[in-house]
N, C-alpha and C. Protein backbone atom coordinates (compact mmCIF):
# COMPACT_ATOMS: atom_id res chain seq x y z
N MET A 1 13.73 59.60 36.43
CA MET A 1 14.27 58.63 37.35
C MET A 1 15.09 57.53 36.45
N THR A 2 16.59 57.46 36.95
CA THR A 2 17.12 56.57 36.19
C THR A 2 17.19 55.12 37.05
N ALA A 3 16.91 54.10 36.06
CA ALA A 3 17.08 52.96 36.66
C ALA A 3 18.36 52.42 37.19
N GLN A 4 18.50 51.77 38.22
CA GLN A 4 19.72 51.34 38.55
C GLN A 4 20.20 50.14 38.26
N ALA A 5 21.39 49.69 37.86
CA ALA A 5 21.54 48.32 37.46
C ALA A 5 21.83 47.57 38.52
N ASP A 6 21.24 46.17 38.31
CA ASP A 6 21.35 45.17 39.51
C ASP A 6 22.46 44.57 39.48
N PRO A 7 23.25 44.75 40.59
CA PRO A 7 24.50 44.50 40.78
C PRO A 7 24.79 42.81 40.57
N VAL A 8 23.83 42.18 40.90
CA VAL A 8 23.92 40.28 40.75
C VAL A 8 23.70 40.41 39.33
N ALA A 9 22.84 40.82 38.68
CA ALA A 9 23.15 40.62 37.08
C ALA A 9 23.91 41.12 36.38
N LEU A 10 24.73 42.03 36.96
CA LEU A 10 26.25 42.53 36.11
C LEU A 10 27.35 41.72 36.36
N GLU A 11 27.38 40.81 37.62
CA GLU A 11 28.27 39.99 37.72
C GLU A 11 28.49 38.98 36.53
N SER A 12 29.83 38.55 36.55
CA SER A 12 30.10 37.38 35.51
C SER A 12 29.62 36.31 35.96
N PRO A 13 29.31 35.28 35.12
CA PRO A 13 28.78 33.77 35.63
C PRO A 13 29.94 33.21 36.58
N ALA A 14 30.86 33.59 36.14
CA ALA A 14 32.16 32.87 37.06
C ALA A 14 32.20 33.39 38.48
N SER A 15 31.85 34.55 38.83
CA SER A 15 31.79 35.04 39.92
C SER A 15 30.54 34.92 40.72
N ARG A 16 29.33 34.31 40.19
CA ARG A 16 28.17 34.30 40.77
C ARG A 16 28.38 33.20 42.07
N VAL A 17 27.57 33.88 43.07
CA VAL A 17 27.88 33.28 44.43
C VAL A 17 26.74 32.07 44.57
N VAL A 18 27.42 30.97 44.86
CA VAL A 18 26.26 29.71 44.84
C VAL A 18 26.50 29.07 46.35
N VAL A 19 25.53 28.29 46.54
CA VAL A 19 25.66 27.15 47.53
C VAL A 19 25.55 26.14 47.27
N VAL A 20 26.58 25.23 47.77
CA VAL A 20 26.82 23.77 47.24
C VAL A 20 26.33 23.01 48.68
N LEU A 21 25.54 22.09 48.25
CA LEU A 21 24.86 21.13 49.66
C LEU A 21 25.59 19.85 49.35
N THR A 22 25.97 19.46 50.64
CA THR A 22 26.31 17.88 50.75
C THR A 22 26.07 17.25 51.97
N THR A 23 26.06 16.37 52.07
CA THR A 23 25.84 15.66 53.59
C THR A 23 27.01 14.71 53.66
N LEU A 24 27.27 14.61 55.24
CA LEU A 24 28.28 13.64 55.61
C LEU A 24 27.68 12.82 56.67
N PRO A 25 28.22 11.53 57.00
CA PRO A 25 27.75 10.76 58.19
C PRO A 25 27.77 11.51 59.36
N ALA A 26 26.88 11.25 60.12
CA ALA A 26 27.05 11.93 61.56
C ALA A 26 28.05 12.01 62.25
N ASP A 27 28.94 10.71 62.29
CA ASP A 27 30.27 10.63 63.06
C ASP A 27 31.28 10.70 62.12
N ALA A 28 31.15 11.61 60.80
CA ALA A 28 32.49 11.77 60.25
C ALA A 28 32.85 13.14 60.97
N ASP A 29 34.11 13.59 60.78
CA ASP A 29 34.73 14.67 60.93
C ASP A 29 34.27 15.80 60.02
N ALA A 30 33.23 16.29 60.30
CA ALA A 30 32.59 17.45 59.59
C ALA A 30 33.61 18.83 59.40
N GLY A 31 33.91 18.93 60.81
CA GLY A 31 34.69 20.24 61.21
C GLY A 31 36.06 20.18 60.31
N ALA A 32 36.76 18.92 60.16
CA ALA A 32 37.73 18.88 59.61
C ALA A 32 37.74 18.80 58.02
N PHE A 33 36.56 18.39 57.52
CA PHE A 33 36.11 18.31 56.35
C PHE A 33 35.91 19.87 55.82
N ALA A 34 35.31 20.46 56.52
CA ALA A 34 34.85 22.13 56.25
C ALA A 34 36.20 22.95 56.32
N GLU A 35 36.92 22.66 57.26
CA GLU A 35 38.25 23.23 57.32
C GLU A 35 39.21 23.13 56.01
N THR A 36 39.15 22.03 55.66
CA THR A 36 39.95 21.74 54.42
C THR A 36 39.50 22.53 53.18
N LEU A 37 38.42 22.62 52.96
CA LEU A 37 37.54 23.26 51.88
C LEU A 37 38.02 24.79 52.24
N VAL A 38 37.69 25.37 53.18
CA VAL A 38 38.14 26.89 53.48
C VAL A 38 39.46 27.11 53.41
N ARG A 39 40.38 26.34 54.00
CA ARG A 39 41.97 26.59 53.83
C ARG A 39 42.24 26.66 52.40
N GLU A 40 41.78 25.73 51.52
CA GLU A 40 41.96 25.42 50.07
C GLU A 40 41.25 26.74 49.38
N ARG A 41 40.61 27.83 49.91
CA ARG A 41 39.72 28.61 49.53
C ARG A 41 38.81 28.43 48.44
N LEU A 42 38.30 26.97 48.78
CA LEU A 42 37.30 26.62 47.81
C LEU A 42 35.92 27.13 48.03
N ALA A 43 35.77 27.41 49.51
CA ALA A 43 34.59 28.07 50.20
C ALA A 43 35.00 28.90 50.99
N ALA A 44 34.08 30.30 51.08
CA ALA A 44 34.47 31.36 51.87
C ALA A 44 34.03 30.48 53.31
N CYS A 45 32.80 29.85 53.48
CA CYS A 45 32.29 29.30 54.67
C CYS A 45 31.65 28.02 54.38
N VAL A 46 31.76 27.30 55.25
CA VAL A 46 30.97 25.95 55.30
C VAL A 46 30.19 25.66 56.73
N SER A 47 29.03 25.81 56.49
CA SER A 47 27.87 25.45 57.81
C SER A 47 27.55 24.14 57.71
N ILE A 48 27.88 23.80 59.12
CA ILE A 48 27.43 22.39 59.39
C ILE A 48 26.20 22.27 60.36
N GLY A 49 25.49 21.66 59.69
CA GLY A 49 24.10 21.68 60.35
C GLY A 49 23.95 20.55 61.28
N ALA A 50 23.00 20.26 62.13
CA ALA A 50 22.92 19.52 63.24
C ALA A 50 22.51 17.95 62.90
N GLU A 51 22.76 17.19 63.49
CA GLU A 51 22.53 15.73 63.04
C GLU A 51 21.08 15.61 62.55
N MET A 52 20.88 14.91 61.82
CA MET A 52 19.58 14.53 61.17
C MET A 52 19.34 13.38 60.70
N THR A 53 18.28 12.62 60.47
CA THR A 53 18.00 11.21 59.72
C THR A 53 17.80 11.67 58.24
N SER A 54 18.28 11.03 57.28
CA SER A 54 17.85 11.00 55.89
C SER A 54 17.48 9.38 55.69
N VAL A 55 16.34 9.59 54.85
CA VAL A 55 15.61 8.31 54.68
C VAL A 55 15.77 8.35 52.91
N TYR A 56 16.37 7.16 52.23
CA TYR A 56 16.65 7.44 51.01
C TYR A 56 16.71 5.90 50.24
N THR A 57 16.46 5.97 49.03
CA THR A 57 16.73 4.35 48.52
C THR A 57 18.09 4.14 47.83
N TRP A 58 18.57 3.15 48.28
CA TRP A 58 20.11 2.53 47.83
C TRP A 58 20.04 1.06 47.51
N LYS A 59 20.28 1.07 46.24
CA LYS A 59 20.25 -0.41 45.61
C LYS A 59 19.10 -1.06 45.83
N GLY A 60 17.96 -0.47 45.58
CA GLY A 60 16.96 -1.00 45.61
C GLY A 60 16.21 -1.13 47.32
N THR A 61 16.74 -0.73 47.94
CA THR A 61 16.41 -0.71 49.64
C THR A 61 16.26 0.52 50.03
N VAL A 62 15.02 0.60 50.85
CA VAL A 62 14.89 1.79 51.82
C VAL A 62 15.73 2.21 52.74
N GLU A 63 16.79 3.00 52.93
CA GLU A 63 17.77 3.07 54.25
C GLU A 63 17.50 4.12 54.81
N ARG A 64 18.01 4.41 56.18
CA ARG A 64 17.88 5.19 56.99
C ARG A 64 19.60 5.76 57.62
N ALA A 65 19.94 6.89 57.56
CA ALA A 65 21.33 7.13 57.93
C ALA A 65 21.36 8.60 58.83
N ARG A 66 21.99 8.38 59.86
CA ARG A 66 22.41 9.68 60.59
C ARG A 66 23.45 10.62 59.81
N GLU A 67 22.97 11.69 59.57
CA GLU A 67 23.50 12.56 58.86
C GLU A 67 23.96 14.19 59.21
N ARG A 68 24.90 14.87 58.51
CA ARG A 68 24.85 16.27 58.96
C ARG A 68 24.91 16.84 57.56
N GLN A 69 24.26 18.10 57.27
CA GLN A 69 24.16 18.76 56.04
C GLN A 69 25.08 19.97 56.12
N LEU A 70 26.16 20.05 55.08
CA LEU A 70 26.91 20.80 54.88
C LEU A 70 26.53 21.97 53.89
N LEU A 71 26.64 23.13 54.18
CA LEU A 71 26.33 24.14 52.95
C LEU A 71 27.50 25.08 52.81
N LEU A 72 28.11 24.89 51.67
CA LEU A 72 29.39 25.49 51.08
C LEU A 72 29.06 27.01 50.31
N LYS A 73 29.32 28.11 50.87
CA LYS A 73 29.07 29.12 50.49
C LYS A 73 30.54 29.71 49.44
N THR A 74 30.26 29.62 48.13
CA THR A 74 31.34 29.61 46.95
C THR A 74 30.93 30.55 46.18
N VAL A 75 31.70 30.47 44.64
CA VAL A 75 31.40 31.04 43.57
C VAL A 75 31.52 29.86 42.44
N GLU A 76 30.62 30.41 41.49
CA GLU A 76 30.37 29.26 40.60
C GLU A 76 31.51 28.84 39.82
N ARG A 77 32.56 29.60 39.55
CA ARG A 77 33.79 29.18 38.79
C ARG A 77 34.56 28.00 39.59
N LEU A 78 34.39 27.95 40.75
CA LEU A 78 34.98 26.71 41.77
C LEU A 78 34.12 25.74 41.62
N VAL A 79 32.97 25.36 41.22
CA VAL A 79 32.23 24.32 41.28
C VAL A 79 32.97 22.96 40.57
N PRO A 80 33.61 23.22 39.58
CA PRO A 80 34.21 21.94 39.08
C PRO A 80 35.42 21.45 39.89
N VAL A 81 36.33 22.30 40.67
CA VAL A 81 37.19 21.84 41.46
C VAL A 81 36.53 21.13 42.68
N ILE A 82 35.41 21.76 43.26
CA ILE A 82 34.78 21.36 44.30
C ILE A 82 34.36 19.81 44.14
N LYS A 83 33.54 19.87 42.80
CA LYS A 83 33.15 18.38 42.51
C LYS A 83 34.53 17.23 42.79
N THR A 84 35.68 17.71 42.31
CA THR A 84 36.79 16.82 42.15
C THR A 84 37.16 16.74 43.58
N ARG A 85 37.46 17.88 44.23
CA ARG A 85 37.71 17.55 45.67
C ARG A 85 36.68 16.99 46.61
N LEU A 86 35.39 17.04 46.45
CA LEU A 86 34.64 16.14 47.33
C LEU A 86 34.70 14.59 46.82
N ALA A 87 34.80 14.40 45.47
CA ALA A 87 35.07 13.04 45.24
C ALA A 87 36.11 12.52 45.98
N ALA A 88 37.34 13.26 46.11
CA ALA A 88 38.71 12.53 46.84
C ALA A 88 38.37 12.55 48.39
N LEU A 89 37.50 13.71 49.03
CA LEU A 89 37.48 13.78 50.26
C LEU A 89 36.23 13.07 51.05
N HIS A 90 35.15 12.66 50.23
CA HIS A 90 34.03 12.22 50.85
C HIS A 90 33.96 10.86 51.05
N PRO A 91 33.46 10.12 52.04
CA PRO A 91 33.56 8.84 52.36
C PRO A 91 32.23 8.19 51.48
N TYR A 92 31.60 8.72 51.05
CA TYR A 92 30.28 8.08 50.23
C TYR A 92 30.80 7.94 48.80
N ASP A 93 30.22 6.61 48.42
CA ASP A 93 30.59 6.57 46.71
C ASP A 93 29.88 7.26 45.86
N VAL A 94 28.55 7.70 46.41
CA VAL A 94 27.68 8.94 45.59
C VAL A 94 27.16 9.84 46.71
N PRO A 95 28.33 10.75 46.82
CA PRO A 95 27.78 11.88 47.65
C PRO A 95 26.71 12.98 47.15
N GLU A 96 26.00 13.11 47.98
CA GLU A 96 25.13 14.38 47.60
C GLU A 96 26.13 15.59 47.16
N LEU A 97 25.62 16.22 46.00
CA LEU A 97 26.09 17.50 45.60
C LEU A 97 25.08 18.21 44.63
N LEU A 98 24.78 19.27 45.52
CA LEU A 98 23.67 20.09 44.77
C LEU A 98 24.07 21.45 44.92
N VAL A 99 23.85 22.25 43.52
CA VAL A 99 24.36 23.56 43.39
C VAL A 99 23.31 24.46 43.25
N LEU A 100 23.05 25.53 44.08
CA LEU A 100 22.08 26.32 44.15
C LEU A 100 22.52 27.73 43.75
N GLU A 101 22.11 28.52 43.10
CA GLU A 101 22.35 29.78 42.59
C GLU A 101 21.71 30.70 43.68
N ALA A 102 22.82 31.66 44.18
CA ALA A 102 22.19 32.85 45.02
C ALA A 102 21.91 33.85 44.13
N ALA A 103 20.32 33.57 43.91
CA ALA A 103 19.61 34.91 43.39
C ALA A 103 19.89 36.30 43.68
N ASP A 104 20.06 36.35 44.93
CA ASP A 104 20.46 37.90 45.46
C ASP A 104 20.78 37.45 47.02
N GLY A 105 21.32 38.90 47.55
CA GLY A 105 21.87 38.96 48.93
C GLY A 105 22.60 39.88 49.07
N GLY A 106 22.75 40.06 50.24
CA GLY A 106 23.60 41.30 50.83
C GLY A 106 24.80 41.71 50.32
N GLU A 107 24.89 42.62 49.69
CA GLU A 107 26.00 43.20 48.76
C GLU A 107 27.30 42.87 49.44
N ALA A 108 27.42 43.37 50.56
CA ALA A 108 28.38 43.04 51.36
C ALA A 108 28.94 41.75 51.57
N TYR A 109 28.36 40.72 51.86
CA TYR A 109 28.21 39.42 51.99
C TYR A 109 28.72 38.76 50.63
N LEU A 110 28.08 38.99 49.68
CA LEU A 110 28.34 38.40 48.38
C LEU A 110 29.85 38.77 47.85
N ALA A 111 30.25 40.02 48.25
CA ALA A 111 31.36 40.47 47.92
C ALA A 111 32.53 39.60 48.92
N TRP A 112 32.06 39.40 50.19
CA TRP A 112 33.14 38.74 51.23
C TRP A 112 33.23 37.35 50.54
N VAL A 113 32.18 36.61 50.18
CA VAL A 113 32.32 35.32 49.44
C VAL A 113 33.34 35.21 48.27
N ARG A 114 33.26 36.27 47.28
CA ARG A 114 34.03 36.27 46.33
C ARG A 114 35.44 36.56 46.84
N GLU A 115 35.81 37.73 47.66
CA GLU A 115 37.19 37.73 48.01
C GLU A 115 37.84 36.74 48.66
N SER A 116 36.68 35.86 49.47
CA SER A 116 37.20 34.82 50.04
C SER A 116 37.89 33.56 49.61
N THR A 117 37.32 33.42 48.31
CA THR A 117 37.65 32.48 47.14
C THR A 117 38.26 32.83 46.10
N ALA A 118 38.86 34.14 46.23
CA ALA A 118 39.67 34.64 45.30
C ALA A 118 41.13 33.88 45.21
N GLY A 119 41.55 33.13 44.14
CA GLY A 119 42.87 32.50 43.93
C GLY A 119 44.01 33.23 44.52
C-alpha cells in the first residue's frame, strides 16, 4: 500500500490557510469592515459573531466592553497586509489580532479560500 501525501503538508507556507481573529465595538459597522476586507481580497470570508461582553485590563483597570468577534479566513502570505489594513481601519488603539493556522480542513473549502484571496 502506498502512503498518500498530505495535501495540507505539501502546500507552501505562503498559501497556508489561517484564521485571523479580531474584535470590533458592538456599535461599529462590522458589515462594512468585513466587506472592505473581502472586496480587497484580503479575506475569502469574514464571519461576524453575535454581540458579546469582553472583560480585560486596560491601563491598569478592569474594563468591560460590548464587542463582536470577527473571524477572517485568509492565507498566511496576506497576514502582513492584514495587519497594516487593520491598523488603518480599526477604531481601537490596540486591536485584537490573533492568527491561527488551519491545521486541516475540507480540501474544497481550503482551495476556495486560496482562490478567493489570490491577487
